[in-house]
């Protein structure tokens, strides 16, 4: 019902040429999460996609700092350096494992 009501508002906005109700993927996902809570009774934090979205942002930030001709190689090198440094901190006890 939530998404249907939002869809009606979006259609009205399009008719008036006032694009104030653009459906975004996070909103769509949120609607499904709320809708399924009664059936699944699972904590939504266990099933979210925001961690993956955060990773995409990290990839973009790292890759955009690389030379475009060598972006794949340089991104892989930088990511490996980051993981090596993080693992060293975990082994030394300075960082908790996730």
Protein backbone atom coordinates (compact mmCIF):
# COMPACT_ATOMS: atom_id res chain seq x y z
CA UNK A 1 0.00 0.00 0.00
CA UNK A 2 2.92 2.29 0.80
CA UNK A 3 4.43 1.89 -2.66
CA UNK A 4 1.06 2.18 -4.40
CA UNK A 5 0.33 5.48 -2.63
CA UNK A 6 3.78 6.74 -3.53
CA UNK A 7 3.22 5.66 -7.15
CA UNK A 8 0.01 7.72 -7.33
CA UNK A 9 1.85 10.79 -6.06
CA UNK A 10 4.63 10.20 -8.59
CA UNK A 11 2.12 9.89 -11.46
CA UNK A 12 0.43 13.14 -10.44
CA UNK A 13 3.80 14.88 -10.31
CA UNK A 14 4.65 13.65 -13.83
CA UNK A 15 1.29 14.86 -15.18
CA UNK A 16 1.92 18.31 -13.71
CA UNK A 17 5.53 18.32 -14.96
CA UNK A 18 6.69 18.66 -11.34
CA UNK A 19 9.06 15.73 -10.81
CA UNK A 20 9.00 15.88 -7.02
CA UNK A 21 8.21 12.21 -6.44
CA UNK A 22 10.94 10.17 -8.06
CA UNK A 23 10.95 6.57 -6.86
CA UNK A 24 14.42 5.66 -5.68
CA UNK A 25 15.76 2.10 -5.25
CA UNK A 26 16.30 2.57 -1.51
CA UNK A 27 12.69 3.64 -1.08
CA UNK A 28 11.51 0.63 -3.07
CA UNK A 29 13.67 -1.68 -0.96
CA UNK A 30 12.41 -0.01 2.22
CA UNK A 31 8.80 -0.61 1.13
CA UNK A 32 9.46 -4.31 0.61
CA UNK A 33 11.29 -4.58 3.92
CA UNK A 34 8.39 -3.03 5.83
CA UNK A 35 5.88 -5.16 3.93
CA UNK A 36 7.67 -8.43 4.71
CA UNK A 37 8.38 -7.79 8.41
CA UNK A 38 5.13 -9.42 9.51
CA UNK A 39 5.97 -12.65 7.67
CA UNK A 40 9.71 -12.96 8.19
CA UNK A 41 10.04 -11.38 11.64
CA UNK A 42 13.71 -10.90 10.82
CA UNK A 43 15.76 -7.93 11.85
CA UNK A 44 16.01 -5.73 8.71
CA UNK A 45 19.62 -4.92 9.59
CA UNK A 46 20.52 -8.54 8.83
CA UNK A 47 19.16 -8.36 5.31
CA UNK A 48 20.04 -4.85 4.15
CA UNK A 49 22.01 -3.92 1.05
CA UNK A 50 23.50 -0.75 2.45
CA UNK A 51 26.82 -2.46 3.16
CA UNK A 52 27.13 -3.32 -0.51
CA UNK A 53 26.25 0.23 -1.50
CA UNK A 54 28.91 1.50 0.88
CA UNK A 55 31.44 -0.81 -0.79
CA UNK A 56 30.51 0.57 -4.22
CA UNK A 57 31.23 4.06 -2.89
CA UNK A 58 34.64 2.96 -1.61
CA UNK A 59 35.48 1.35 -4.96
CA UNK A 60 34.47 4.54 -6.79
CA UNK A 61 36.50 6.76 -4.49
CA UNK A 62 39.61 4.60 -4.85
CA UNK A 63 39.25 4.01 -8.59
CA UNK A 64 38.62 7.68 -9.39
CA UNK A 65 41.96 8.53 -7.78
CA UNK A 66 43.76 6.21 -10.21
CA UNK A 67 45.04 6.94 -13.71
CA UNK A 68 42.28 5.86 -16.11
CA UNK A 69 44.71 3.93 -18.33
CA UNK A 70 45.72 1.67 -15.44
CA UNK A 71 42.64 1.88 -13.23
CA UNK A 72 42.08 -1.89 -12.91
CA UNK A 73 45.67 -2.65 -11.96
CA UNK A 74 46.11 0.34 -9.65
CA UNK A 75 42.75 -0.25 -7.93
CA UNK A 76 43.67 -3.89 -7.24
CA UNK A 77 47.06 -2.84 -5.88
CA UNK A 78 45.58 -0.18 -3.61
CA UNK A 79 42.86 -2.52 -2.34
CA UNK A 80 45.42 -5.22 -1.55
CA UNK A 81 47.60 -2.70 0.31
CA UNK A 82 44.58 -1.60 2.35
CA UNK A 83 43.63 -5.20 3.19
CA UNK A 84 47.21 -6.07 4.12
CA UNK A 85 47.39 -3.07 6.46
CA UNK A 86 44.01 -3.88 7.99
CA UNK A 87 44.95 -7.54 8.54
CA UNK A 88 48.20 -6.47 10.24
CA UNK A 89 46.18 -4.29 12.65
CA UNK A 90 43.81 -7.19 13.40
CA UNK A 91 46.74 -9.51 14.12
CA UNK A 92 48.33 -6.94 16.43
CA UNK A 93 45.03 -6.56 18.29
CA UNK A 94 44.62 -2.89 17.35
CA UNK A 95 41.46 -3.52 15.32
CA UNK A 96 38.57 -5.86 15.98
CA UNK A 97 37.40 -8.31 13.32
CA UNK A 98 34.00 -7.69 11.82
